[in-house]
């Protein structure tokens, strides 16, 4: 049970339960491929490119073109969350905090989804018939932080890498960065000038879409040795596998003096579907 619930009692505080500042839910789950998983693992089939065979003679043999097949494995991980609201505490409140607890828990699960997606974007992917082959992220798709924070040149390079790999431009592309990188972009004259972009969101102090990327703000991106790992990807380049979506239950616990228990669970996993469809952009932070 939360030992701090007395801070909401009416003798001292207002009649509402306020959620402190936090990321409310997932910002990335709607920007990746989402699939349902049944069982211990989920496997997703892929086929590679082939080449047309030039006909050099009349009535020749029909060529056999072997289509390369591969697959990626997603292993879901179970997540749980629970807290208790004592029945006596509940009588001392003007409103029950149970619904706020559920909202707070759901927000935590949304952040967990983002963490799984971020980890999978450049982490080890598992391939092969049984999903037992480890596939590392390619170093060729890492843009170094030598030029400091986020720059126009880095975004152009991320676009070049995706285009050079023949990533279908009709598939939505996203670019996740933190507030520091976003501020660096907003300070660039070229990006804010109407000669370079007509992004209306700049009026509100944020960038929405530019250079073919939908921009997403995230403070959960990896930070290692003052280097932030921003990410650019095509929507189908990362897969979020859902074994069980977020489920919330609020029930009485007779073994806990009939306290209300707010319980939330889910089962998810994520993987990078193709190395060519993800780019890591390193930016320097003081």
C-alpha atoms as a PDB file:
ATOM      1  CA  UNK A   1       0.000   0.000   0.000  1.00  0.00           C
ATOM      2  CA  UNK A   2       1.179   3.511  -0.705  1.00  0.00           C
ATOM      3  CA  UNK A   3       2.342   4.926   2.620  1.00  0.00           C
ATOM      4  CA  UNK A   4       1.981   8.503   1.353  1.00  0.00           C
ATOM      5  CA  UNK A   5      -1.758   8.470   0.683  1.00  0.00           C
ATOM      6  CA  UNK A   6      -2.394  10.565   3.811  1.00  0.00           C
ATOM      7  CA  UNK A   7      -1.031  13.576   1.898  1.00  0.00           C
ATOM      8  CA  UNK A   8      -4.379  13.669   0.070  1.00  0.00           C
ATOM      9  CA  UNK A   9      -6.533  13.739   3.214  1.00  0.00           C
ATOM     10  CA  UNK A  10      -8.983  16.605   3.403  1.00  0.00           C
ATOM     11  CA  UNK A  11      -7.698  17.918   6.714  1.00  0.00           C
ATOM     12  CA  UNK A  12      -4.614  19.212   4.909  1.00  0.00           C
ATOM     13  CA  UNK A  13      -5.110  19.277   1.167  1.00  0.00           C
ATOM     14  CA  UNK A  14      -7.579  20.071  -1.585  1.00  0.00           C
ATOM     15  CA  UNK A  15     -10.258  17.688  -2.782  1.00  0.00           C
ATOM     16  CA  UNK A  16      -8.498  16.590  -5.948  1.00  0.00           C
ATOM     17  CA  UNK A  17      -5.701  14.106  -6.540  1.00  0.00           C
ATOM     18  CA  UNK A  18      -3.192  15.634  -8.937  1.00  0.00           C
ATOM     19  CA  UNK A  19      -0.791  13.654 -11.085  1.00  0.00           C
ATOM     20  CA  UNK A  20       2.709  15.093 -11.048  1.00  0.00           C
ATOM     21  CA  UNK A  21       4.444  15.936 -14.325  1.00  0.00           C
ATOM     22  CA  UNK A  22       5.281  12.840 -16.298  1.00  0.00           C
ATOM     23  CA  UNK A  23       5.049  11.424 -19.800  1.00  0.00           C
ATOM     24  CA  UNK A  24       1.439  10.298 -20.081  1.00  0.00           C
ATOM     25  CA  UNK A  25       1.423   7.081 -22.055  1.00  0.00           C
ATOM     26  CA  UNK A  26       3.407   6.010 -25.094  1.00  0.00           C
ATOM     27  CA  UNK A  27       4.607   8.427 -27.760  1.00  0.00           C
ATOM     28  CA  UNK A  28       6.196   5.814 -30.006  1.00  0.00           C
ATOM     29  CA  UNK A  29       3.763   2.879 -30.068  1.00  0.00           C
ATOM     30  CA  UNK A  30       1.654   4.513 -32.797  1.00  0.00           C
ATOM     31  CA  UNK A  31       4.772   5.141 -34.888  1.00  0.00           C
ATOM     32  CA  UNK A  32       5.854   1.530 -35.379  1.00  0.00           C
ATOM     33  CA  UNK A  33       4.397  -1.646 -36.826  1.00  0.00           C
ATOM     34  CA  UNK A  34       2.099  -3.230 -34.235  1.00  0.00           C
ATOM     35  CA  UNK A  35       1.291  -6.939 -34.230  1.00  0.00           C
ATOM     36  CA  UNK A  36      -0.543  -9.377 -31.965  1.00  0.00           C
ATOM     37  CA  UNK A  37       1.483 -12.252 -30.551  1.00  0.00           C
ATOM     38  CA  UNK A  38       0.029 -15.606 -29.537  1.00  0.00           C
ATOM     39  CA  UNK A  39       2.315 -17.897 -27.588  1.00  0.00           C
ATOM     40  CA  UNK A  40       5.834 -17.692 -26.193  1.00  0.00           C
ATOM     41  CA  UNK A  41       7.325 -16.007 -29.280  1.00  0.00           C
ATOM     42  CA  UNK A  42       6.095 -14.204 -32.346  1.00  0.00           C
ATOM     43  CA  UNK A  43       7.766 -14.738 -35.737  1.00  0.00           C
ATOM     44  CA  UNK A  44       7.468 -12.352 -38.658  1.00  0.00           C
ATOM     45  CA  UNK A  45       8.380 -13.507 -42.151  1.00  0.00           C
ATOM     46  CA  UNK A  46      10.384 -11.401 -44.617  1.00  0.00           C
ATOM     47  CA  UNK A  47      11.482 -11.769 -48.216  1.00  0.00           C
ATOM     48  CA  UNK A  48      14.443 -10.082 -49.843  1.00  0.00           C
ATOM     49  CA  UNK A  49      15.022  -8.484 -53.229  1.00  0.00           C
ATOM     50  CA  UNK A  50      15.483 -10.522 -56.406  1.00  0.00           C
ATOM     51  CA  UNK A  51      16.745  -9.688 -59.882  1.00  0.00           C
ATOM     52  CA  UNK A  52      15.053 -10.109 -63.235  1.00  0.00           C
ATOM     53  CA  UNK A  53      16.789 -12.482 -65.639  1.00  0.00           C
ATOM     54  CA  UNK A  54      17.549 -11.182 -69.110  1.00  0.00           C
ATOM     55  CA  UNK A  55      16.283 -13.457 -71.875  1.00  0.00           C
ATOM     56  CA  UNK A  56      19.125 -14.187 -74.309  1.00  0.00           C
ATOM     57  CA  UNK A  57      17.575 -16.822 -76.596  1.00  0.00           C
ATOM     58  CA  UNK A  58      14.239 -17.845 -78.033  1.00  0.00           C
ATOM     59  CA  UNK A  59      12.421 -20.787 -76.435  1.00  0.00           C
ATOM     60  CA  UNK A  60      15.011 -21.085 -73.721  1.00  0.00           C
ATOM     61  CA  UNK A  61      14.512 -22.635 -70.303  1.00  0.00           C
ATOM     62  CA  UNK A  62      12.369 -20.780 -67.799  1.00  0.00           C
ATOM     63  CA  UNK A  63      14.728 -19.344 -65.180  1.00  0.00           C
ATOM     64  CA  UNK A  64      14.255 -20.215 -61.536  1.00  0.00           C
ATOM     65  CA  UNK A  65      14.704 -17.229 -59.263  1.00  0.00           C
ATOM     66  CA  UNK A  66      15.130 -18.225 -55.610  1.00  0.00           C
ATOM     67  CA  UNK A  67      13.456 -15.659 -53.364  1.00  0.00           C
ATOM     68  CA  UNK A  68      15.461 -15.123 -50.151  1.00  0.00           C
ATOM     69  CA  UNK A  69      13.425 -15.628 -46.973  1.00  0.00           C
ATOM     70  CA  UNK A  70      14.194 -14.474 -43.442  1.00  0.00           C
ATOM     71  CA  UNK A  71      12.294 -13.940 -40.209  1.00  0.00           C
ATOM     72  CA  UNK A  72      12.484 -11.914 -37.012  1.00  0.00           C
ATOM     73  CA  UNK A  73      11.556 -13.057 -33.534  1.00  0.00           C
ATOM     74  CA  UNK A  74       9.711 -11.041 -30.896  1.00  0.00           C
ATOM     75  CA  UNK A  75       9.608 -12.391 -27.350  1.00  0.00           C
ATOM     76  CA  UNK A  76       7.000 -10.670 -25.171  1.00  0.00           C
ATOM     77  CA  UNK A  77       7.864  -9.694 -21.604  1.00  0.00           C
ATOM     78  CA  UNK A  78       5.225  -9.522 -18.877  1.00  0.00           C
ATOM     79  CA  UNK A  79       4.759  -6.335 -16.850  1.00  0.00           C
ATOM     80  CA  UNK A  80       2.778  -5.901 -13.602  1.00  0.00           C
ATOM     81  CA  UNK A  81       1.803  -2.958 -11.390  1.00  0.00           C
ATOM     82  CA  UNK A  82      -0.330  -2.860  -8.243  1.00  0.00           C
ATOM     83  CA  UNK A  83      -1.049  -0.605  -5.282  1.00  0.00           C
ATOM     84  CA  UNK A  84      -3.527  -0.702  -2.409  1.00  0.00           C
ATOM     85  CA  UNK A  85      -5.952   1.915  -1.131  1.00  0.00           C
ATOM     86  CA  UNK A  86      -6.933   1.178   2.462  1.00  0.00           C
ATOM     87  CA  UNK A  87     -10.666   1.272   3.132  1.00  0.00           C
ATOM     88  CA  UNK A  88     -10.141   3.631   6.081  1.00  0.00           C
ATOM     89  CA  UNK A  89      -8.031   5.973   3.987  1.00  0.00           C
ATOM     90  CA  UNK A  90     -10.775   6.013   1.369  1.00  0.00           C
ATOM     91  CA  UNK A  91     -13.299   7.363   3.872  1.00  0.00           C
ATOM     92  CA  UNK A  92     -11.015  10.286   4.702  1.00  0.00           C
ATOM     93  CA  UNK A  93     -10.874  11.495   1.091  1.00  0.00           C
ATOM     94  CA  UNK A  94     -13.422  13.675  -0.658  1.00  0.00           C
ATOM     95  CA  UNK A  95     -12.908  11.559  -3.786  1.00  0.00           C
ATOM     96  CA  UNK A  96     -11.529   8.074  -4.276  1.00  0.00           C
ATOM     97  CA  UNK A  97      -8.024   8.066  -5.801  1.00  0.00           C
ATOM     98  CA  UNK A  98      -8.557   4.665  -7.412  1.00  0.00           C
ATOM     99  CA  UNK A  99      -9.129   6.103 -10.890  1.00  0.00           C
ATOM    100  CA  UNK A 100      -6.055   8.329 -10.599  1.00  0.00           C
ATOM    101  CA  UNK A 101      -3.994   5.320  -9.548  1.00  0.00           C
ATOM    102  CA  UNK A 102      -5.181   3.498 -12.674  1.00  0.00           C
ATOM    103  CA  UNK A 103      -4.312   6.487 -14.890  1.00  0.00           C
ATOM    104  CA  UNK A 104      -0.906   6.750 -13.215  1.00  0.00           C
ATOM    105  CA  UNK A 105      -0.246   3.051 -13.787  1.00  0.00           C
ATOM    106  CA  UNK A 106      -1.368   3.207 -17.429  1.00  0.00           C
ATOM    107  CA  UNK A 107       1.033   6.104 -17.995  1.00  0.00           C
ATOM    108  CA  UNK A 108       3.869   3.992 -16.584  1.00  0.00           C
ATOM    109  CA  UNK A 109       2.979   1.150 -18.942  1.00  0.00           C
ATOM    110  CA  UNK A 110       2.972   3.517 -21.906  1.00  0.00           C
ATOM    111  CA  UNK A 111       6.482   4.611 -20.990  1.00  0.00           C
ATOM    112  CA  UNK A 112       7.497   0.961 -20.724  1.00  0.00           C
ATOM    113  CA  UNK A 113       6.323   0.479 -24.321  1.00  0.00           C
ATOM    114  CA  UNK A 114       8.512   3.374 -25.421  1.00  0.00           C
ATOM    115  CA  UNK A 115      11.486   1.915 -23.548  1.00  0.00           C
ATOM    116  CA  UNK A 116      11.001  -1.436 -25.303  1.00  0.00           C
ATOM    117  CA  UNK A 117      10.819   0.258 -28.712  1.00  0.00           C
ATOM    118  CA  UNK A 118      13.889   2.411 -28.060  1.00  0.00           C
ATOM    119  CA  UNK A 119      15.905  -0.581 -26.866  1.00  0.00           C
ATOM    120  CA  UNK A 120      14.876  -2.669 -29.866  1.00  0.00           C
ATOM    121  CA  UNK A 121      15.623   0.086 -32.401  1.00  0.00           C
ATOM    122  CA  UNK A 122      19.388  -0.346 -32.166  1.00  0.00           C
ATOM    123  CA  UNK A 123      19.705  -3.423 -29.931  1.00  0.00           C
ATOM    124  CA  UNK A 124      20.259  -7.042 -30.902  1.00  0.00           C
ATOM    125  CA  UNK A 125      17.576  -8.517 -33.160  1.00  0.00           C
ATOM    126  CA  UNK A 126      16.950 -12.251 -33.329  1.00  0.00           C
ATOM    127  CA  UNK A 127      16.644 -13.829 -36.759  1.00  0.00           C
ATOM    128  CA  UNK A 128      16.768 -17.245 -38.433  1.00  0.00           C
ATOM    129  CA  UNK A 129      14.300 -20.123 -38.635  1.00  0.00           C
ATOM    130  CA  UNK A 130      14.159 -20.555 -34.859  1.00  0.00           C
ATOM    131  CA  UNK A 131      14.960 -16.932 -34.073  1.00  0.00           C
ATOM    132  CA  UNK A 132      18.255 -17.925 -32.487  1.00  0.00           C
ATOM    133  CA  UNK A 133      20.657 -15.886 -34.625  1.00  0.00           C
ATOM    134  CA  UNK A 134      21.796 -12.555 -33.169  1.00  0.00           C
ATOM    135  CA  UNK A 135      21.834  -9.624 -35.589  1.00  0.00           C
ATOM    136  CA  UNK A 136      23.528  -6.427 -34.452  1.00  0.00           C
ATOM    137  CA  UNK A 137      22.736  -2.904 -35.548  1.00  0.00           C
ATOM    138  CA  UNK A 138      24.895  -1.748 -38.446  1.00  0.00           C
ATOM    139  CA  UNK A 139      27.545   0.851 -37.659  1.00  0.00           C
ATOM    140  CA  UNK A 140      26.963   2.394 -41.076  1.00  0.00           C
ATOM    141  CA  UNK A 141      23.643   3.763 -39.871  1.00  0.00           C
ATOM    142  CA  UNK A 142      25.128   5.647 -36.924  1.00  0.00           C
ATOM    143  CA  UNK A 143      25.651   9.385 -37.391  1.00  0.00           C
ATOM    144  CA  UNK A 144      28.432  10.573 -35.087  1.00  0.00           C
ATOM    145  CA  UNK A 145      28.157  13.483 -32.666  1.00  0.00           C
ATOM    146  CA  UNK A 146      31.278  15.219 -33.977  1.00  0.00           C
ATOM    147  CA  UNK A 147      29.296  18.315 -34.938  1.00  0.00           C
ATOM    148  CA  UNK A 148      27.723  18.716 -31.507  1.00  0.00           C
ATOM    149  CA  UNK A 149      23.977  18.804 -31.002  1.00  0.00           C
ATOM    150  CA  UNK A 150      21.229  18.202 -33.545  1.00  0.00           C
ATOM    151  CA  UNK A 151      21.873  19.919 -36.879  1.00  0.00           C
ATOM    152  CA  UNK A 152      20.223  20.185 -40.275  1.00  0.00           C
ATOM    153  CA  UNK A 153      23.160  18.231 -41.728  1.00  0.00           C
ATOM    154  CA  UNK A 154      22.439  15.274 -39.453  1.00  0.00           C
ATOM    155  CA  UNK A 155      18.788  15.170 -40.449  1.00  0.00           C
ATOM    156  CA  UNK A 156      19.756  15.369 -44.126  1.00  0.00           C
ATOM    157  CA  UNK A 157      22.206  12.506 -43.596  1.00  0.00           C
ATOM    158  CA  UNK A 158      19.538  10.397 -41.881  1.00  0.00           C
ATOM    159  CA  UNK A 159      17.262  10.956 -44.863  1.00  0.00           C
ATOM    160  CA  UNK A 160      20.101  10.100 -47.240  1.00  0.00           C
ATOM    161  CA  UNK A 161      20.787   6.812 -45.468  1.00  0.00           C
ATOM    162  CA  UNK A 162      17.145   5.748 -45.694  1.00  0.00           C
ATOM    163  CA  UNK A 163      16.840   6.858 -49.314  1.00  0.00           C
ATOM    164  CA  UNK A 164      20.116   5.199 -50.320  1.00  0.00           C
ATOM    165  CA  UNK A 165      18.840   1.910 -48.866  1.00  0.00           C
ATOM    166  CA  UNK A 166      15.724   2.233 -51.073  1.00  0.00           C
ATOM    167  CA  UNK A 167      13.436   2.488 -48.051  1.00  0.00           C
ATOM    168  CA  UNK A 168       9.970   3.094 -49.492  1.00  0.00           C
ATOM    169  CA  UNK A 169       9.333   6.865 -49.148  1.00  0.00           C
ATOM    170  CA  UNK A 170       5.575   6.261 -48.976  1.00  0.00           C
ATOM    171  CA  UNK A 171       6.012   4.599 -45.574  1.00  0.00           C
ATOM    172  CA  UNK A 172       5.785   7.190 -42.755  1.00  0.00           C
ATOM    173  CA  UNK A 173       9.115   8.238 -41.271  1.00  0.00           C
ATOM    174  CA  UNK A 174       9.725   9.481 -37.741  1.00  0.00           C
ATOM    175  CA  UNK A 175      12.529  11.208 -35.889  1.00  0.00           C
ATOM    176  CA  UNK A 176      12.643  11.099 -32.083  1.00  0.00           C
ATOM    177  CA  UNK A 177      14.765  13.585 -30.180  1.00  0.00           C
ATOM    178  CA  UNK A 178      14.878  15.117 -26.712  1.00  0.00           C
ATOM    179  CA  UNK A 179      14.203  18.701 -25.678  1.00  0.00           C
ATOM    180  CA  UNK A 180      17.875  19.713 -25.910  1.00  0.00           C
ATOM    181  CA  UNK A 181      18.156  18.550 -29.514  1.00  0.00           C
ATOM    182  CA  UNK A 182      14.824  20.169 -30.364  1.00  0.00           C
ATOM    183  CA  UNK A 183      15.991  23.486 -28.898  1.00  0.00           C
ATOM    184  CA  UNK A 184      19.158  23.311 -30.975  1.00  0.00           C
ATOM    185  CA  UNK A 185      17.041  22.939 -34.121  1.00  0.00           C
ATOM    186  CA  UNK A 186      14.739  25.798 -33.208  1.00  0.00           C
ATOM    187  CA  UNK A 187      17.786  28.034 -32.848  1.00  0.00           C
ATOM    188  CA  UNK A 188      18.905  27.333 -36.405  1.00  0.00           C
ATOM    189  CA  UNK A 189      18.096  30.236 -38.715  1.00  0.00           C
ATOM    190  CA  UNK A 190      17.788  27.970 -41.739  1.00  0.00           C
ATOM    191  CA  UNK A 191      15.128  25.834 -40.107  1.00  0.00           C
ATOM    192  CA  UNK A 192      13.016  28.716 -38.813  1.00  0.00           C
ATOM    193  CA  UNK A 193      13.242  30.787 -41.977  1.00  0.00           C
ATOM    194  CA  UNK A 194      10.199  30.676 -44.248  1.00  0.00           C
ATOM    195  CA  UNK A 195      12.648  30.208 -47.119  1.00  0.00           C
ATOM    196  CA  UNK A 196      13.396  26.720 -45.816  1.00  0.00           C
ATOM    197  CA  UNK A 197      10.176  25.454 -44.263  1.00  0.00           C
ATOM    198  CA  UNK A 198       6.510  26.281 -43.775  1.00  0.00           C
ATOM    199  CA  UNK A 199       6.085  24.219 -40.640  1.00  0.00           C
ATOM    200  CA  UNK A 200       3.186  25.878 -38.808  1.00  0.00           C
ATOM    201  CA  UNK A 201       4.091  24.176 -35.534  1.00  0.00           C
ATOM    202  CA  UNK A 202       7.113  26.479 -35.254  1.00  0.00           C
ATOM    203  CA  UNK A 203       4.711  29.225 -34.202  1.00  0.00           C
ATOM    204  CA  UNK A 204       4.025  27.190 -31.064  1.00  0.00           C
ATOM    205  CA  UNK A 205       7.706  26.531 -30.421  1.00  0.00           C
ATOM    206  CA  UNK A 206       7.849  23.000 -31.755  1.00  0.00           C
ATOM    207  CA  UNK A 207       8.674  21.304 -35.043  1.00  0.00           C
ATOM    208  CA  UNK A 208       6.083  18.918 -36.432  1.00  0.00           C
ATOM    209  CA  UNK A 209       7.215  17.606 -39.820  1.00  0.00           C
ATOM    210  CA  UNK A 210      10.314  18.442 -41.833  1.00  0.00           C
ATOM    211  CA  UNK A 211      12.547  16.670 -44.371  1.00  0.00           C
ATOM    212  CA  UNK A 212       9.962  13.893 -44.569  1.00  0.00           C
ATOM    213  CA  UNK A 213      10.178  13.081 -40.848  1.00  0.00           C
ATOM    214  CA  UNK A 214       7.431  13.442 -38.242  1.00  0.00           C
ATOM    215  CA  UNK A 215       9.221  14.769 -35.158  1.00  0.00           C
ATOM    216  CA  UNK A 216       8.572  13.215 -31.735  1.00  0.00           C
ATOM    217  CA  UNK A 217       9.796  14.599 -28.430  1.00  0.00           C
ATOM    218  CA  UNK A 218      11.126  12.011 -25.980  1.00  0.00           C
ATOM    219  CA  UNK A 219      13.261  12.305 -22.871  1.00  0.00           C
ATOM    220  CA  UNK A 220      13.635   8.513 -22.698  1.00  0.00           C
ATOM    221  CA  UNK A 221      16.231   8.215 -25.451  1.00  0.00           C
ATOM    222  CA  UNK A 222      19.525   6.667 -24.345  1.00  0.00           C
ATOM    223  CA  UNK A 223      22.161   8.964 -22.834  1.00  0.00           C
ATOM    224  CA  UNK A 224      25.705   7.561 -22.569  1.00  0.00           C
ATOM    225  CA  UNK A 225      28.802   9.608 -21.764  1.00  0.00           C
ATOM    226  CA  UNK A 226      27.081  12.892 -22.683  1.00  0.00           C
ATOM    227  CA  UNK A 227      25.894  11.476 -26.026  1.00  0.00           C
ATOM    228  CA  UNK A 228      22.160  11.266 -26.683  1.00  0.00           C
ATOM    229  CA  UNK A 229      20.959   8.620 -29.132  1.00  0.00           C
ATOM    230  CA  UNK A 230      18.231  10.205 -31.243  1.00  0.00           C
ATOM    231  CA  UNK A 231      16.449   7.897 -33.658  1.00  0.00           C
ATOM    232  CA  UNK A 232      15.116   8.128 -37.205  1.00  0.00           C
ATOM    233  CA  UNK A 233      13.161   5.231 -38.695  1.00  0.00           C
ATOM    234  CA  UNK A 234      10.540   4.077 -41.162  1.00  0.00           C
ATOM    235  CA  UNK A 235       7.318   2.935 -39.494  1.00  0.00           C
ATOM    236  CA  UNK A 236       7.665  -0.715 -40.503  1.00  0.00           C
ATOM    237  CA  UNK A 237      11.335  -0.798 -39.486  1.00  0.00           C
ATOM    238  CA  UNK A 238      10.418  -1.513 -35.848  1.00  0.00           C
ATOM    239  CA  UNK A 239       7.753  -3.932 -34.631  1.00  0.00           C
ATOM    240  CA  UNK A 240       5.902  -3.845 -31.317  1.00  0.00           C
ATOM    241  CA  UNK A 241       4.447  -7.257 -30.544  1.00  0.00           C
ATOM    242  CA  UNK A 242       1.541  -7.303 -28.103  1.00  0.00           C
ATOM    243  CA  UNK A 243       0.820 -10.521 -26.260  1.00  0.00           C
ATOM    244  CA  UNK A 244      -1.668  -8.817 -23.955  1.00  0.00           C
ATOM    245  CA  UNK A 245      -2.606  -5.153 -24.097  1.00  0.00           C
ATOM    246  CA  UNK A 246      -2.789  -2.963 -20.995  1.00  0.00           C
ATOM    247  CA  UNK A 247      -5.440  -4.435 -18.683  1.00  0.00           C
ATOM    248  CA  UNK A 248      -6.668  -2.721 -15.503  1.00  0.00           C
ATOM    249  CA  UNK A 249      -8.564  -4.280 -12.610  1.00  0.00           C
ATOM    250  CA  UNK A 250      -9.777  -2.611  -9.407  1.00  0.00           C
ATOM    251  CA  UNK A 251     -10.897  -5.172  -6.837  1.00  0.00           C
ATOM    252  CA  UNK A 252     -11.304  -5.643  -3.094  1.00  0.00           C
ATOM    253  CA  UNK A 253      -8.656  -7.636  -1.260  1.00  0.00           C
ATOM    254  CA  UNK A 254     -10.254  -9.503   1.641  1.00  0.00           C
ATOM    255  CA  UNK A 255      -6.774 -10.602   2.749  1.00  0.00           C
ATOM    256  CA  UNK A 256      -5.800  -6.921   3.123  1.00  0.00           C
ATOM    257  CA  UNK A 257      -8.709  -5.741   5.305  1.00  0.00           C
ATOM    258  CA  UNK A 258     -10.807  -5.228   2.153  1.00  0.00           C
ATOM    259  CA  UNK A 259      -8.498  -2.586   0.751  1.00  0.00           C
ATOM    260  CA  UNK A 260      -8.990  -1.699  -2.903  1.00  0.00           C
ATOM    261  CA  UNK A 261      -6.233  -3.040  -5.136  1.00  0.00           C
ATOM    262  CA  UNK A 262      -5.488  -1.282  -8.412  1.00  0.00           C
ATOM    263  CA  UNK A 263      -3.779  -3.857 -10.641  1.00  0.00           C
ATOM    264  CA  UNK A 264      -2.466  -3.350 -14.180  1.00  0.00           C
ATOM    265  CA  UNK A 265      -0.602  -5.748 -16.462  1.00  0.00           C
ATOM    266  CA  UNK A 266       0.513  -6.176 -20.050  1.00  0.00           C
ATOM    267  CA  UNK A 267       2.776  -8.406 -22.160  1.00  0.00           C
ATOM    268  CA  UNK A 268       4.811  -6.824 -24.968  1.00  0.00           C
ATOM    269  CA  UNK A 269       8.041  -7.172 -26.910  1.00  0.00           C
ATOM    270  CA  UNK A 270       9.749  -5.282 -29.704  1.00  0.00           C
ATOM    271  CA  UNK A 271      12.320  -5.867 -32.408  1.00  0.00           C
ATOM    272  CA  UNK A 272      14.044  -4.026 -35.243  1.00  0.00           C
ATOM    273  CA  UNK A 273      12.669  -5.472 -38.466  1.00  0.00           C
ATOM    274  CA  UNK A 274      15.416  -4.264 -40.795  1.00  0.00           C
ATOM    275  CA  UNK A 275      18.742  -2.565 -40.132  1.00  0.00           C
ATOM    276  CA  UNK A 276      18.405  -0.298 -43.191  1.00  0.00           C
ATOM    277  CA  UNK A 277      15.207   1.250 -41.842  1.00  0.00           C
ATOM    278  CA  UNK A 278      16.638   2.640 -38.596  1.00  0.00           C
ATOM    279  CA  UNK A 279      19.243   5.398 -38.124  1.00  0.00           C
ATOM    280  CA  UNK A 280      20.887   6.399 -34.852  1.00  0.00           C
ATOM    281  CA  UNK A 281      21.805  10.099 -34.602  1.00  0.00           C
ATOM    282  CA  UNK A 282      24.251  10.864 -31.811  1.00  0.00           C
ATOM    283  CA  UNK A 283      24.102  14.374 -30.353  1.00  0.00           C
ATOM    284  CA  UNK A 284      26.421  15.882 -27.764  1.00  0.00           C
ATOM    285  CA  UNK A 285      25.045  17.141 -24.451  1.00  0.00           C
ATOM    286  CA  UNK A 286      26.956  19.095 -21.836  1.00  0.00           C
END
